Amino acid sequence: MHRYLFPLAIFVMSMFAAGEWRAQWIFPHRGASFDAPENTLAAFKLAWRQGADAVEADFYLTADDRMICIHDRTTKRTTGVEKTVARCTTDELRALEAGSWKGPEWRGERLPTFAEVLQTIPDDKGFVVELKVGPEIVPALKRELADVGASLKKRLVVISFHADTIAECKRQFPDIRAHWLTGFKRDEPSGRWAPDAETVARTVADCQADGVGMNGKREVVDADFIRRLRAGGVDEFHVWTIDSPSDAEFFQQLGAAAITTNRPALIREHLEP
């Protein structure tokens, strides 16, 4: 496949300075999580070495009202210790070891704070912040962003499955881009997938999101789905979690502004030989 260089959708143009653009921006899912333990500083640093344009990181709110980087509601899967994130202080969570489940070479990795992840972001790269809970996390995010410069804010995107969280983010940070996230479920009797494009477009409008991030199911998100989505007023979309080069090429051709992947090096190599 040829490497295309052209101005991307508004989503990408708002994140990075003007210039030449790749056909897709590559967002490592929880960092370079195929190779390194997800949502750790090691995974984010590796993602930069693998050619990422931005990193995607998940955040929960702790008992002491701080943001901690972890995907699950509990710590069991990645630390081996069963604790509910929302019931623990930051110090309690930081005391857990979160790397060795992936391999002994990663022993000693910790659950990072928002500030620690932020410090890994290079000056010309982006930060995709997934908020895993409701609007109660937004004040904590506001505190974290208080000293962040305008340049990085242009390269920051907030994403969430919680439409009310996205709506509150747009109220608090109207100049920071936000995407509502959605997966798809199939109704077995009818064979129909939900939500449909029209429902997605209405939800995006209702929460004032700048676009949508969708589970990259090719049987759902096809050319007709994107046409209907755009007819409903949604021009920006990204897809997750795409680890197959053929799937990445498919969504590239549909016009996805970004592709979230566990394997940034593989997808980058395929899209830009």
Protein backbone atom coordinates (compact mmCIF):
# COMPACT_ATOMS: atom_id res chain seq x y z
CA MET A 1 0.00 0.00 0.00
CA HIS A 2 1.21 3.51 -0.79
CA ARG A 3 1.77 6.02 1.96
CA TYR A 4 -0.73 8.85 1.61
CA LEU A 5 0.14 12.36 2.76
CA PHE A 6 -2.80 14.77 3.02
CA PRO A 7 -4.64 16.90 5.57
CA LEU A 8 -6.72 14.61 7.80
CA ALA A 9 -10.04 15.15 9.46
CA ILE A 10 -10.55 18.01 11.89
CA PHE A 11 -9.97 15.52 14.71
CA VAL A 12 -6.33 15.07 13.76
CA MET A 13 -5.76 18.58 12.50
CA SER A 14 -6.72 19.98 15.89
CA MET A 15 -4.17 17.77 17.64
CA PHE A 16 -1.02 18.51 15.70
CA ALA A 17 0.60 21.47 13.97
CA ALA A 18 -0.03 21.95 10.27
CA GLY A 19 2.06 19.90 7.89
CA GLU A 20 1.96 16.60 6.08
CA TRP A 21 -0.21 13.87 7.53
CA ARG A 22 -0.28 10.12 7.54
CA ALA A 23 -3.35 8.32 6.30
CA GLN A 24 -4.12 7.27 9.85
CA TRP A 25 -2.80 8.16 13.26
CA ILE A 26 -1.82 5.13 15.29
CA PHE A 27 -3.01 5.05 18.90
CA PRO A 28 -1.44 2.27 20.98
CA HIS A 29 -4.16 0.70 23.12
CA ARG A 30 -3.07 1.02 26.76
CA GLY A 31 0.40 1.63 25.35
CA ALA A 32 2.25 -1.02 23.37
CA SER A 33 0.23 -3.61 25.23
CA PHE A 34 0.96 -6.57 22.97
CA ASP A 35 4.61 -6.41 23.99
CA ALA A 36 4.58 -4.74 27.41
CA PRO A 37 2.23 -4.74 30.43
CA GLU A 38 -0.75 -2.56 29.60
CA ASN A 39 -1.23 0.88 31.16
CA THR A 40 2.29 1.04 32.58
CA LEU A 41 5.04 3.55 31.92
CA ALA A 42 6.99 0.78 30.20
CA ALA A 43 4.14 0.26 27.72
CA PHE A 44 3.83 3.95 26.95
CA LYS A 45 7.56 4.47 26.48
CA LEU A 46 7.74 1.44 24.21
CA ALA A 47 4.83 2.80 22.17
CA TRP A 48 6.83 5.92 21.35
CA ARG A 49 9.75 3.76 20.19
CA GLN A 50 7.31 1.84 17.97
CA GLY A 51 6.18 4.94 16.11
CA ALA A 52 2.99 5.91 17.92
CA ASP A 53 1.33 9.24 17.20
CA ALA A 54 -0.40 9.26 20.58
CA VAL A 55 -0.95 6.86 23.46
CA GLU A 56 -4.31 5.77 24.81
CA ALA A 57 -4.55 5.29 28.58
CA ASP A 58 -7.41 4.31 30.91
CA PHE A 59 -8.18 6.14 34.15
CA TYR A 60 -10.27 5.44 37.24
CA LEU A 61 -10.91 7.69 40.21
CA THR A 62 -9.33 6.59 43.50
CA ALA A 63 -10.73 6.87 47.02
CA ASP A 64 -8.57 9.96 47.58
CA ASP A 65 -9.94 11.62 44.45
CA ARG A 66 -6.98 11.12 42.14
CA MET A 67 -6.66 9.55 38.70
CA ILE A 68 -4.90 6.19 38.41
CA CYS A 69 -4.08 4.41 35.16
CA ILE A 70 -5.78 1.01 34.97
CA HIS A 71 -8.37 -0.59 32.69
CA ASP A 72 -10.32 -2.79 35.08
CA ARG A 73 -12.57 -1.91 38.00
CA THR A 74 -10.42 -4.17 40.18
CA THR A 75 -6.68 -4.83 40.28
CA LYS A 76 -6.78 -8.63 40.19
CA ARG A 77 -5.97 -9.27 36.52
CA THR A 78 -2.86 -7.12 36.27
CA THR A 79 -1.52 -7.22 39.84
CA GLY A 80 -2.70 -10.56 41.19
CA VAL A 81 -4.24 -8.80 44.20
CA GLU A 82 -8.00 -8.30 44.45
CA LYS A 83 -8.74 -4.66 45.24
CA THR A 84 -11.51 -2.38 44.01
CA VAL A 85 -9.85 0.70 42.58
CA ALA A 86 -12.50 3.18 43.74
CA ARG A 87 -12.13 1.98 47.34
CA CYS A 88 -8.35 2.35 47.51
CA THR A 89 -6.09 5.34 47.95
CA THR A 90 -3.45 6.17 45.39
CA ASP A 91 -0.70 5.00 47.73
CA GLU A 92 -2.43 1.65 48.25
CA LEU A 93 -2.70 1.11 44.52
CA ARG A 94 0.84 2.30 43.83
CA ALA A 95 2.15 -0.30 46.26
CA LEU A 96 0.97 -3.09 43.94
CA GLU A 97 3.25 -4.66 41.35
CA ALA A 98 1.71 -4.49 37.86
CA GLY A 99 4.31 -5.81 35.43
CA SER A 100 5.32 -9.38 36.17
CA TRP A 101 2.00 -10.87 34.96
CA LYS A 102 3.24 -10.03 31.45
CA GLY A 103 6.72 -11.46 32.02
CA PRO A 104 9.53 -11.42 34.58
CA GLU A 105 11.39 -8.72 32.67
CA TRP A 106 8.60 -6.29 33.54
CA ARG A 107 8.68 -6.89 37.30
CA GLY A 108 8.54 -3.68 39.29
CA GLU A 109 6.14 -1.76 37.05
CA ARG A 110 3.51 0.18 39.00
CA LEU A 111 0.08 1.61 38.27
CA PRO A 112 0.97 5.13 37.09
CA THR A 113 -0.81 8.33 37.99
CA PHE A 114 -2.17 10.70 35.39
CA ALA A 115 0.77 13.05 35.95
CA GLU A 116 3.28 10.25 35.39
CA VAL A 117 1.72 9.24 32.10
CA LEU A 118 1.55 12.87 31.05
CA GLN A 119 5.28 13.24 31.60
CA THR A 120 5.98 10.58 28.96
CA ILE A 121 4.22 12.52 26.18
CA PRO A 122 6.75 14.00 23.72
CA ASP A 123 6.28 17.59 22.60
CA ASP A 124 4.98 16.59 19.17
CA LYS A 125 2.76 13.67 20.22
CA GLY A 126 -0.79 13.23 21.48
CA PHE A 127 -2.52 11.84 24.56
CA VAL A 128 -5.82 9.94 24.39
CA VAL A 129 -7.43 9.85 27.85
CA GLU A 130 -10.14 7.27 28.43
CA LEU A 131 -12.31 8.01 31.46
CA LYS A 132 -13.69 4.73 32.77
CA VAL A 133 -16.32 6.17 35.11
CA GLY A 134 -19.02 8.83 35.26
CA PRO A 135 -18.79 12.63 35.49
CA GLU A 136 -17.45 12.41 39.05
CA ILE A 137 -13.96 12.02 37.57
CA VAL A 138 -14.08 15.29 35.63
CA PRO A 139 -13.10 17.59 38.55
CA ALA A 140 -9.99 15.46 39.08
CA LEU A 141 -9.16 15.76 35.39
CA LYS A 142 -9.63 19.51 35.60
CA ARG A 143 -7.08 19.69 38.40
CA GLU A 144 -4.63 17.58 36.43
CA LEU A 145 -4.97 19.85 33.40
CA ALA A 146 -4.69 23.11 35.34
CA ASP A 147 -1.01 23.57 34.49
CA VAL A 148 -1.03 21.90 31.08
CA GLY A 149 -0.11 24.25 28.27
CA ALA A 150 -2.29 25.11 25.31
CA SER A 151 -0.08 23.16 22.91
CA LEU A 152 -0.62 19.83 24.68
CA LYS A 153 -4.32 20.49 25.14
CA LYS A 154 -4.59 20.68 21.34
CA ARG A 155 -3.02 17.21 21.21
CA LEU A 156 -5.26 15.72 23.89
CA VAL A 157 -8.47 13.78 23.25
CA VAL A 158 -10.85 12.61 25.97
CA ILE A 159 -12.84 9.44 25.27
CA SER A 160 -15.46 7.56 27.28
CA PHE A 161 -18.31 5.09 26.97
CA HIS A 162 -20.22 7.32 29.40
CA ALA A 163 -22.07 9.95 27.39
CA ASP A 164 -22.69 12.00 30.52
CA THR A 165 -18.95 12.06 31.21
CA ILE A 166 -18.27 13.35 27.69
CA ALA A 167 -21.00 15.96 28.08
CA GLU A 168 -19.44 17.22 31.32
CA CYS A 169 -15.99 17.31 29.73
CA LYS A 170 -17.31 19.46 26.91
CA ARG A 171 -18.85 21.80 29.46
CA GLN A 172 -15.63 22.05 31.45
CA PHE A 173 -13.17 21.92 28.53
CA PRO A 174 -14.93 23.12 25.37
CA ASP A 175 -11.64 23.45 23.51
CA ILE A 176 -10.48 19.88 24.19
CA ARG A 177 -11.69 17.28 21.75
CA ALA A 178 -13.84 14.44 23.05
CA HIS A 179 -15.19 11.26 21.47
CA TRP A 180 -18.02 9.13 22.79
CA LEU A 181 -17.22 5.43 22.59
CA THR A 182 -19.54 2.63 21.59
CA GLY A 183 -19.44 -1.08 20.96
CA PHE A 184 -22.09 -3.08 19.08
CA LYS A 185 -24.40 -5.91 20.05
CA ARG A 186 -26.36 -8.14 17.71
CA ASP A 187 -29.97 -9.04 18.30
CA GLU A 188 -30.08 -12.75 17.52
CA PRO A 189 -33.74 -13.02 16.37
CA SER A 190 -33.49 -10.10 13.94
CA GLY A 191 -29.80 -10.20 13.17
CA ARG A 192 -29.65 -6.42 13.56
CA TRP A 193 -26.74 -4.67 15.21
CA ALA A 194 -27.22 -1.92 17.77
CA PRO A 195 -26.71 0.93 18.04
CA ASP A 196 -27.33 1.85 14.42
CA ALA A 197 -25.67 4.82 12.74
CA GLU A 198 -28.59 7.13 13.42
CA THR A 199 -28.56 6.33 17.15
CA VAL A 200 -24.81 6.90 17.30
CA ALA A 201 -25.20 10.27 15.58
CA ARG A 202 -27.95 11.34 18.01
CA THR A 203 -25.86 10.37 21.03
CA VAL A 204 -22.85 12.28 19.71
CA ALA A 205 -25.04 15.34 19.22
CA ASP A 206 -26.72 15.01 22.61
CA CYS A 207 -23.43 14.94 24.54
CA GLN A 208 -21.81 17.53 22.27
CA ALA A 209 -18.95 15.17 21.40
CA ASP A 210 -16.61 16.00 18.55
CA GLY A 211 -16.87 12.50 17.17
CA VAL A 212 -17.19 8.81 17.98
CA GLY A 213 -14.84 5.93 18.68
CA MET A 214 -16.31 2.59 17.54
CA ASN A 215 -15.49 -1.05 17.96
CA GLY A 216 -13.97 -1.95 14.59
CA LYS A 217 -16.42 -4.64 13.51
CA ARG A 218 -16.29 -4.79 9.73
CA GLU A 219 -19.72 -6.40 9.56
CA VAL A 220 -21.15 -3.26 11.18
CA VAL A 221 -18.90 -0.33 10.36
CA ASP A 222 -18.87 -0.35 6.57
CA ALA A 223 -19.18 2.29 3.86
CA ASP A 224 -22.97 2.52 4.25
CA PHE A 225 -22.70 2.90 8.04
CA ILE A 226 -20.20 5.76 7.64
CA ARG A 227 -22.38 7.42 5.00
CA ARG A 228 -25.36 7.36 7.38
CA LEU A 229 -23.19 8.53 10.27
CA ARG A 230 -22.02 11.53 8.26
CA ALA A 231 -25.57 12.24 7.15
CA GLY A 232 -26.37 12.54 10.85
CA GLY A 233 -23.66 15.16 11.29
CA VAL A 234 -20.75 13.03 12.55
CA ASP A 235 -17.62 13.50 10.43
CA GLU A 236 -14.99 12.32 12.92
CA PHE A 237 -14.55 8.70 13.89
CA HIS A 238 -11.85 6.36 15.07
CA VAL A 239 -11.90 2.59 15.52
CA TRP A 240 -10.64 0.15 18.16
CA THR A 241 -9.01 -2.30 18.78
CA ILE A 242 -7.45 -3.17 15.43
CA ASP A 243 -4.56 -5.65 15.46
CA SER A 244 -5.04 -7.13 11.98
CA PRO A 245 -3.25 -5.32 9.12
CA SER A 246 -6.11 -6.14 6.73
CA ASP A 247 -8.64 -4.63 9.15
CA ALA A 248 -6.44 -1.54 9.52
CA GLU A 249 -6.36 -1.13 5.75
CA PHE A 250 -10.15 -1.53 5.55
CA PHE A 251 -10.78 1.24 8.08
CA GLN A 252 -8.10 3.42 6.55
CA GLN A 253 -10.01 3.30 3.30
CA LEU A 254 -13.25 4.19 5.11
CA GLY A 255 -11.58 7.38 6.33
CA ALA A 256 -11.00 6.65 10.01
CA ALA A 257 -9.02 9.49 11.55
CA ALA A 258 -7.22 7.10 13.88
CA ILE A 259 -6.75 3.42 14.60
CA THR A 260 -6.32 2.16 18.15
CA THR A 261 -4.20 -0.98 18.31
CA ASN A 262 -2.28 -3.20 20.70
CA ARG A 263 0.40 -3.58 18.01
CA PRO A 264 1.45 -0.10 16.83
CA ALA A 265 4.68 -1.24 15.16
CA LEU A 266 2.90 -3.89 13.06
CA ILE A 267 0.07 -1.59 11.98
CA ARG A 268 2.44 1.28 11.23
CA GLU A 269 4.64 -1.00 9.12
CA HIS A 270 1.64 -2.25 7.14
CA LEU A 271 0.03 1.11 6.50
CA GLU A 272 3.30 2.83 5.70
CA PRO A 273 5.70 0.39 4.04
